[in-house]
Amino acid sequence: MMKTTRNRLNHFRVATFLLILLLAICLPAFAAPDVVKPADPPTKVAPPTLTVTLQDEDGAPIRGVTLHAMIADFTGRENGKATTDETGKAVFKNLKSGSYYFFANINALRQHAGYGMPLVYKAFKTTRSFYLSESRSFDLSADAETTYVIKRAEHIWFETYLQVVRSGKIVIMNQKQGLQHIIPVASTDFIQIYLPMRQMYGIVTIKDDDYDAWVMEVYAHERLRIQLL
């Protein structure tokens, strides 16, 4: 009787051992899978910017001027615009590397010492002043900065008074600078345009589709002041 009991006990121990061994082998297969941590989202890299600073000849910032970035390829295509802040800086985003010149209505410059409008023209409500910079090449694979200083001794005025019935335009061309820029005229207008010196310009003024209004080619130098009235 004791032998039978001992055998049963041994069988129980063996069975228990086998059960434990079986569980040790099988349980990992049913264990919860490892939680895969999601990858961190890629860091967004801001595109390079071009910061253009506009100053008068005393180094004072020219504020509140909207600069238009024009592609210097003789097409007059605009590729973005930005407005100068209190420090005279305008920040352009998403521009591609290449050559650009900048165009602006520069009426704000009249508030700076020495840049005022002649009294005889102040009566014209449509009087406008514009600025065309020289073109520059920019590598915009990284942030870039540039400064334009509107010095009176290095720019000339092109001045014209256009009296139109329907519409008109002024076309400024410069082969070396890749510039062919059109300024529309919708009414009687007195216009001043700052142009960098020591450059050859072609200038066409058109009144009511009359292409023979004025056509000229001039070399801009410090003794030149163009007035078409």
Protein backbone atom coordinates (compact mmCIF):
# COMPACT_ATOMS: atom_id res chain seq x y z
CA MET A 1 0.00 0.00 0.00
CA MET A 2 2.81 2.38 0.87
CA LYS A 3 4.61 1.47 -2.33
CA THR A 4 1.54 2.28 -4.39
CA THR A 5 1.15 5.61 -2.62
CA ARG A 6 4.84 6.39 -3.21
CA ASN A 7 4.48 5.57 -6.92
CA ARG A 8 1.48 7.80 -7.22
CA LEU A 9 3.40 10.60 -5.51
CA ASN A 10 6.31 10.16 -7.91
CA HIS A 11 3.96 10.16 -10.88
CA PHE A 12 2.36 13.34 -9.55
CA ARG A 13 5.75 15.02 -9.18
CA VAL A 14 6.77 13.98 -12.68
CA ALA A 15 3.47 15.21 -14.10
CA THR A 16 3.83 18.50 -12.23
CA PHE A 17 7.38 18.93 -13.52
CA LEU A 18 6.29 18.22 -17.09
CA LEU A 19 3.40 20.66 -16.77
CA ILE A 20 5.72 23.41 -15.50
CA LEU A 21 8.18 22.65 -18.31
CA LEU A 22 5.38 22.78 -20.89
CA LEU A 23 4.14 26.08 -19.54
CA ALA A 24 7.67 27.53 -19.60
CA ILE A 25 7.95 26.62 -23.27
CA CYS A 26 4.49 27.67 -24.44
CA LEU A 27 3.69 30.80 -22.44
CA PRO A 28 6.17 33.11 -24.23
CA ALA A 29 4.38 32.37 -27.49
CA PHE A 30 1.17 33.77 -26.00
CA ALA A 31 2.77 36.73 -24.26
CA ALA A 32 1.75 40.23 -25.32
CA PRO A 33 3.83 41.46 -28.25
CA ASP A 34 6.37 44.21 -27.65
CA VAL A 35 4.88 47.66 -28.11
CA VAL A 36 6.68 49.40 -30.97
CA LYS A 37 7.19 53.04 -30.16
CA PRO A 38 6.21 55.22 -33.13
CA ALA A 39 9.05 57.07 -34.75
CA ASP A 40 9.36 60.74 -33.98
CA PRO A 41 7.98 62.89 -36.78
CA PRO A 42 10.72 64.42 -38.96
CA THR A 43 11.82 67.85 -37.85
CA LYS A 44 10.50 70.52 -40.19
CA VAL A 45 13.29 72.66 -41.56
CA ALA A 46 12.31 76.20 -42.44
CA PRO A 47 13.21 77.17 -46.02
CA PRO A 48 16.07 79.63 -46.44
CA THR A 49 15.18 83.30 -46.38
CA LEU A 50 16.55 86.39 -48.07
CA THR A 51 16.62 89.48 -45.86
CA VAL A 52 16.82 92.77 -47.77
CA THR A 53 17.61 95.95 -45.82
CA LEU A 54 16.66 99.30 -47.34
CA GLN A 55 18.39 102.46 -46.11
CA ASP A 56 18.84 106.10 -47.04
CA GLU A 57 22.31 107.55 -47.47
CA ASP A 58 22.55 108.39 -43.76
CA GLY A 59 21.94 104.76 -42.82
CA ALA A 60 18.40 105.40 -41.59
CA PRO A 61 15.96 102.54 -42.29
CA ILE A 62 13.28 103.14 -44.91
CA ARG A 63 10.16 101.71 -43.26
CA GLY A 64 6.86 100.49 -44.62
CA VAL A 65 8.01 99.96 -48.21
CA THR A 66 6.79 96.90 -50.10
CA LEU A 67 9.66 95.46 -52.13
CA HIS A 68 8.87 93.25 -55.10
CA ALA A 69 11.50 90.61 -55.96
CA MET A 70 11.74 90.62 -59.75
CA ILE A 71 13.54 87.89 -61.68
CA ALA A 72 16.35 89.51 -63.68
CA ASP A 73 15.71 87.66 -66.93
CA PHE A 74 14.11 90.43 -69.05
CA THR A 75 10.60 89.12 -68.35
CA GLY A 76 9.58 91.44 -65.51
CA ARG A 77 8.21 88.48 -63.54
CA GLU A 78 7.60 88.96 -59.84
CA ASN A 79 8.65 86.12 -57.53
CA GLY A 80 7.52 87.43 -54.17
CA LYS A 81 7.11 90.56 -52.11
CA ALA A 82 7.82 91.68 -48.56
CA THR A 83 7.46 94.92 -46.59
CA THR A 84 10.25 96.62 -44.68
CA ASP A 85 9.80 96.73 -40.91
CA GLU A 86 10.93 99.34 -38.39
CA THR A 87 14.56 98.41 -39.03
CA GLY A 88 14.19 98.65 -42.79
CA LYS A 89 14.34 94.85 -43.22
CA ALA A 90 12.09 92.85 -45.55
CA VAL A 91 12.23 89.05 -45.34
CA PHE A 92 11.55 86.99 -48.45
CA LYS A 93 10.66 83.30 -48.14
CA ASN A 94 10.66 80.50 -50.72
CA LEU A 95 12.81 82.34 -53.25
CA LYS A 96 15.02 80.18 -55.43
CA SER A 97 18.67 80.93 -56.02
CA GLY A 98 19.17 83.30 -58.91
CA SER A 99 19.44 86.94 -59.93
CA TYR A 100 16.89 89.47 -58.71
CA TYR A 101 16.31 93.19 -58.75
CA PHE A 102 13.86 94.94 -56.43
CA PHE A 103 11.08 97.34 -57.33
CA ALA A 104 9.09 99.51 -54.92
CA ASN A 105 6.80 102.48 -54.58
CA ILE A 106 9.21 104.58 -52.58
CA ASN A 107 6.94 107.46 -51.51
CA ALA A 108 8.05 106.79 -47.92
CA LEU A 109 11.49 108.10 -48.86
CA ARG A 110 10.09 111.62 -49.12
CA GLN A 111 9.97 111.78 -45.31
CA HIS A 112 13.76 111.45 -45.17
CA ALA A 113 15.94 114.55 -45.10
CA GLY A 114 17.00 115.65 -48.57
CA TYR A 115 14.60 113.38 -50.49
CA GLY A 116 11.53 115.58 -50.55
CA MET A 117 9.33 116.16 -53.60
CA PRO A 118 9.79 119.47 -55.44
CA LEU A 119 7.03 121.92 -54.43
CA VAL A 120 5.81 122.38 -57.99
CA TYR A 121 4.76 118.72 -58.15
CA LYS A 122 3.17 118.32 -54.74
CA ALA A 123 -0.17 119.52 -56.09
CA PHE A 124 -0.55 116.34 -58.15
CA LYS A 125 -2.53 113.87 -56.06
CA THR A 126 -1.28 110.99 -58.20
CA THR A 127 2.40 111.81 -57.80
CA ARG A 128 4.36 108.62 -57.24
CA SER A 129 8.03 107.84 -56.63
CA PHE A 130 9.53 104.48 -57.55
CA TYR A 131 12.80 102.69 -56.97
CA LEU A 132 14.53 100.14 -59.19
CA SER A 133 17.62 98.52 -57.68
CA GLU A 134 20.52 96.99 -59.51
CA SER A 135 20.25 93.23 -59.89
CA ARG A 136 22.26 90.87 -57.70
CA SER A 137 22.83 87.12 -57.70
CA PHE A 138 21.86 85.19 -54.56
CA ASP A 139 22.75 81.69 -53.42
CA LEU A 140 19.71 80.73 -51.39
CA SER A 141 20.76 77.24 -50.35
CA ALA A 142 21.04 78.94 -46.93
CA ASP A 143 19.79 82.19 -45.39
CA ALA A 144 21.20 85.27 -47.10
CA GLU A 145 21.20 89.01 -46.45
CA THR A 146 21.82 92.08 -48.56
CA THR A 147 21.53 95.85 -48.13
CA TYR A 148 20.50 98.50 -50.64
CA VAL A 149 21.37 102.10 -49.84
CA ILE A 150 19.58 104.76 -51.88
CA LYS A 151 22.28 107.41 -52.12
CA ARG A 152 21.30 110.56 -53.94
CA ALA A 153 24.80 110.83 -55.42
CA GLU A 154 24.56 107.33 -56.89
CA HIS A 155 21.03 107.45 -58.29
CA ILE A 156 19.33 109.65 -60.83
CA TRP A 157 15.74 110.77 -61.11
CA PHE A 158 13.79 109.90 -64.19
CA GLU A 159 10.83 112.27 -64.07
CA THR A 160 7.85 112.39 -66.36
CA TYR A 161 4.38 113.85 -66.39
CA LEU A 162 1.91 111.69 -68.31
CA GLN A 163 -1.55 112.89 -69.20
CA VAL A 164 -3.50 109.91 -70.51
CA VAL A 165 -7.10 109.43 -71.53
CA ARG A 166 -7.36 105.66 -71.24
CA SER A 167 -4.09 104.15 -70.03
CA GLY A 168 -0.36 104.35 -70.39
CA LYS A 169 2.86 102.77 -69.21
CA ILE A 170 6.54 103.38 -68.72
CA VAL A 171 9.00 100.66 -69.70
CA ILE A 172 12.50 100.72 -68.18
CA MET A 173 15.07 98.41 -69.81
CA ASN A 174 18.65 97.55 -68.96
CA GLN A 175 20.32 94.71 -70.84
CA LYS A 176 23.21 94.27 -68.42
CA GLN A 177 20.89 94.07 -65.41
CA GLY A 178 18.32 91.76 -67.05
CA LEU A 179 15.74 94.46 -66.48
CA GLN A 180 12.58 95.10 -68.47
CA HIS A 181 10.14 96.63 -66.05
CA ILE A 182 6.70 98.03 -66.80
CA ILE A 183 5.05 100.68 -64.63
CA PRO A 184 1.36 101.14 -65.54
CA VAL A 185 -0.22 104.61 -65.64
CA ALA A 186 -3.99 104.80 -65.28
CA SER A 187 -4.54 108.53 -65.19
CA THR A 188 -2.77 111.85 -65.27
CA ASP A 189 0.37 111.10 -63.34
CA PHE A 190 3.64 112.71 -62.33
CA ILE A 191 6.19 109.94 -61.80
CA GLN A 192 9.71 109.91 -60.43
CA ILE A 193 11.92 106.84 -60.66
CA TYR A 194 15.22 106.32 -58.84
CA LEU A 195 17.67 104.53 -61.16
CA PRO A 196 21.20 103.43 -60.22
CA MET A 197 23.91 105.41 -62.01
CA ARG A 198 26.60 104.25 -64.41
CA GLN A 199 24.12 102.11 -66.32
CA MET A 200 22.68 102.21 -69.83
CA TYR A 201 18.88 102.40 -69.87
CA GLY A 202 16.28 102.20 -72.56
CA ILE A 203 13.17 104.16 -71.61
CA VAL A 204 9.82 104.04 -73.38
CA THR A 205 6.77 106.01 -72.32
CA ILE A 206 3.46 105.04 -73.90
CA LYS A 207 0.30 107.13 -73.76
CA ASP A 208 -3.00 105.65 -74.93
CA ASP A 209 -1.22 102.93 -76.91
CA ASP A 210 0.97 105.48 -78.68
CA TYR A 211 4.38 103.80 -78.73
CA ASP A 212 5.96 106.86 -80.28
CA ALA A 213 5.37 109.04 -77.24
CA TRP A 214 8.98 108.88 -76.08
CA VAL A 215 11.71 106.38 -76.89
CA MET A 216 15.24 107.02 -75.66
CA GLU A 217 18.43 105.33 -74.62
CA VAL A 218 20.55 107.04 -72.00
CA TYR A 219 23.64 106.43 -69.91
CA ALA A 220 22.83 107.35 -66.31
CA HIS A 221 25.57 109.45 -64.73
CA GLU A 222 25.86 111.98 -61.94
CA ARG A 223 25.23 115.02 -64.17
CA LEU A 224 22.08 113.58 -65.72
CA ARG A 225 18.53 114.46 -64.72
CA ILE A 226 15.83 113.35 -67.14
CA GLN A 227 12.60 115.29 -67.28
CA LEU A 228 9.88 114.52 -69.79
CA LEU A 229 7.03 116.98 -69.32
